[in-house]
């Protein structure tokens, strides 16, 4: 694991300060190039933990994309997750008349107290040590690989 002085004291504050996707993407790319790509970056792991609530273990080969890895995802050490893997840690609420979106989206006007996008129905997803997932469904924990 490697942490660059420039990444920690120059690029990390830029990433924290600006919420614009293009600026964060550029800062992340520079951090990765300074620290030896995805497997070794300490600074980007710290930023994803603080800002996006995504925990990535040491020496895990994961594409740092907060839109693909959802908030509340935890990846164990030595994991390999291909960039084409889709994560879905949201589930339909089961306390409504139906699982159709009209019954829990505020935008449709039927439900006033619930919104699917506010993380109310998101599960905390945790990968064990060394898994190789293909498609991640809403599930609290995926086991340890062999």
Protein backbone atom coordinates (compact mmCIF):
# COMPACT_ATOMS: atom_id res chain seq x y z
CA UNK A 1 0.00 0.00 0.00
CA UNK A 2 1.31 3.37 -0.93
CA UNK A 3 0.38 6.94 -0.03
CA UNK A 4 1.71 9.88 -2.00
CA UNK A 5 2.38 13.23 -0.33
CA UNK A 6 0.93 15.11 -3.32
CA UNK A 7 -2.17 12.90 -3.36
CA UNK A 8 -2.75 13.30 0.37
CA UNK A 9 -2.14 17.04 0.77
CA UNK A 10 -3.01 18.47 -2.66
CA UNK A 11 -5.41 16.20 -4.56
CA UNK A 12 -7.44 14.83 -1.63
CA UNK A 13 -8.53 18.34 -0.51
CA UNK A 14 -9.54 19.09 -4.11
CA UNK A 15 -11.61 15.89 -4.19
CA UNK A 16 -13.26 16.78 -0.86
CA UNK A 17 -14.03 20.38 -1.76
CA UNK A 18 -15.53 20.01 -5.24
CA UNK A 19 -18.61 17.87 -5.81
CA UNK A 20 -18.51 18.22 -9.57
CA UNK A 21 -18.05 14.78 -11.13
CA UNK A 22 -15.48 15.83 -13.73
CA UNK A 23 -13.20 17.41 -11.12
CA UNK A 24 -13.47 14.42 -8.79
CA UNK A 25 -12.83 12.01 -11.65
CA UNK A 26 -9.70 13.92 -12.70
CA UNK A 27 -8.42 14.10 -9.10
CA UNK A 28 -9.07 10.37 -8.62
CA UNK A 29 -7.21 9.54 -11.84
CA UNK A 30 -4.19 11.57 -10.70
CA UNK A 31 -4.26 9.98 -7.24
CA UNK A 32 -4.34 6.52 -8.79
CA UNK A 33 -1.42 7.28 -11.10
CA UNK A 34 0.66 8.63 -8.19
CA UNK A 35 -0.08 5.75 -5.83
CA UNK A 36 0.25 2.77 -8.17
CA UNK A 37 -3.33 2.25 -9.43
CA UNK A 38 -6.37 0.74 -7.70
CA UNK A 39 -4.70 -2.04 -5.76
CA UNK A 40 -2.35 0.21 -3.76
CA UNK A 41 -4.06 3.60 -3.32
CA UNK A 42 -4.42 4.55 0.36
CA UNK A 43 -5.67 8.09 -0.28
CA UNK A 44 -8.57 7.07 -2.51
CA UNK A 45 -9.64 4.38 -0.04
CA UNK A 46 -9.73 7.01 2.68
CA UNK A 47 -11.72 9.45 0.49
CA UNK A 48 -14.27 6.80 -0.48
CA UNK A 49 -14.72 5.88 3.16
CA UNK A 50 -15.20 9.49 4.32
CA UNK A 51 -17.28 10.88 1.47
CA UNK A 52 -19.15 7.98 -0.13
CA UNK A 53 -19.43 5.50 2.80
CA UNK A 54 -17.65 2.82 0.74
CA UNK A 55 -15.03 0.70 2.51
CA UNK A 56 -12.41 -0.98 0.31
CA UNK A 57 -9.93 -3.39 1.88
CA UNK A 58 -6.18 -3.46 1.33
CA UNK A 59 -4.86 -4.91 -1.93
CA UNK A 60 -8.35 -5.19 -3.42
CA UNK A 61 -8.62 -4.60 -7.14
CA UNK A 62 -11.81 -2.56 -7.47
CA UNK A 63 -12.70 0.24 -9.84
CA UNK A 64 -13.09 3.39 -7.72
CA UNK A 65 -16.46 4.55 -9.00
CA UNK A 66 -18.97 5.75 -6.41
CA UNK A 67 -21.79 5.42 -8.94
CA UNK A 68 -21.08 1.72 -9.43
CA UNK A 69 -20.16 0.90 -5.82
CA UNK A 70 -23.16 2.07 -3.82
CA UNK A 71 -23.02 3.77 -0.42
CA UNK A 72 -22.79 1.23 2.39
CA UNK A 73 -20.72 -1.26 0.39
CA UNK A 74 -17.77 -2.87 2.14
CA UNK A 75 -15.16 -4.86 0.21
CA UNK A 76 -12.76 -7.14 2.08
CA UNK A 77 -9.03 -7.52 1.55
CA UNK A 78 -7.55 -9.17 -1.54
CA UNK A 79 -10.83 -8.97 -3.49
CA UNK A 80 -11.06 -8.73 -7.24
CA UNK A 81 -14.19 -7.09 -8.58
CA UNK A 82 -14.27 -6.50 -12.32
CA UNK A 83 -15.34 -3.08 -13.56
CA UNK A 84 -18.36 -4.58 -15.36
CA UNK A 85 -19.89 -5.98 -12.16
CA UNK A 86 -23.18 -4.32 -11.31
CA UNK A 87 -24.08 -3.57 -7.71
CA UNK A 88 -27.66 -3.38 -6.56
CA UNK A 89 -28.02 -2.92 -2.83
CA UNK A 90 -31.48 -1.39 -2.97
CA UNK A 91 -34.61 -3.42 -2.46
CA UNK A 92 -38.32 -2.75 -2.83
CA UNK A 93 -40.16 -1.84 0.34
CA UNK A 94 -42.41 -4.65 1.47
CA UNK A 95 -44.72 -2.62 3.70
CA UNK A 96 -46.80 -1.16 0.85
CA UNK A 97 -49.79 -2.47 -1.06
CA UNK A 98 -47.57 -3.53 -3.98
CA UNK A 99 -43.90 -3.36 -4.97
CA UNK A 100 -44.76 -1.15 -7.95
CA UNK A 101 -43.02 2.23 -7.86
CA UNK A 102 -46.27 4.18 -7.67
CA UNK A 103 -46.73 3.02 -4.08
CA UNK A 104 -43.41 4.27 -2.66
CA UNK A 105 -42.11 7.06 -4.92
CA UNK A 106 -43.05 10.52 -3.73
CA UNK A 107 -42.86 11.75 -7.33
CA UNK A 108 -45.95 9.77 -8.30
CA UNK A 109 -48.04 11.48 -5.63
CA UNK A 110 -49.50 8.38 -4.01
CA UNK A 111 -47.08 8.17 -1.10
CA UNK A 112 -46.09 11.30 0.82
CA UNK A 113 -43.73 9.84 3.41
CA UNK A 114 -41.34 7.64 1.46
CA UNK A 115 -38.77 8.14 -1.29
CA UNK A 116 -36.80 5.28 -2.79
CA UNK A 117 -33.77 7.45 -3.61
CA UNK A 118 -33.15 8.61 -0.01
CA UNK A 119 -31.34 5.35 0.92
CA UNK A 120 -34.26 4.22 3.10
CA UNK A 121 -34.34 0.84 1.36
CA UNK A 122 -30.59 0.36 0.84
CA UNK A 123 -28.82 -2.58 2.43
CA UNK A 124 -25.31 -2.49 3.75
CA UNK A 125 -23.47 -4.92 1.45
CA UNK A 126 -20.27 -6.57 2.65
CA UNK A 127 -17.91 -8.75 0.66
CA UNK A 128 -15.76 -11.19 2.57
CA UNK A 129 -12.11 -11.86 1.86
CA UNK A 130 -11.23 -12.67 -1.74
CA UNK A 131 -14.64 -12.96 -3.48
CA UNK A 132 -15.11 -12.69 -7.24
CA UNK A 133 -18.73 -11.61 -7.76
CA UNK A 134 -20.51 -11.49 -11.11
CA UNK A 135 -23.69 -9.59 -10.27
CA UNK A 136 -24.55 -8.32 -6.82
CA UNK A 137 -28.16 -8.52 -5.72
CA UNK A 138 -29.55 -6.93 -2.55
CA UNK A 139 -27.98 -9.09 0.09
CA UNK A 140 -26.28 -8.15 3.33
CA UNK A 141 -23.16 -10.30 2.96
CA UNK A 142 -21.33 -12.22 0.27
CA UNK A 143 -19.02 -14.93 1.55
CA UNK A 144 -15.33 -15.49 1.52
CA UNK A 145 -13.81 -16.87 -1.69
CA UNK A 146 -11.74 -20.03 -1.90
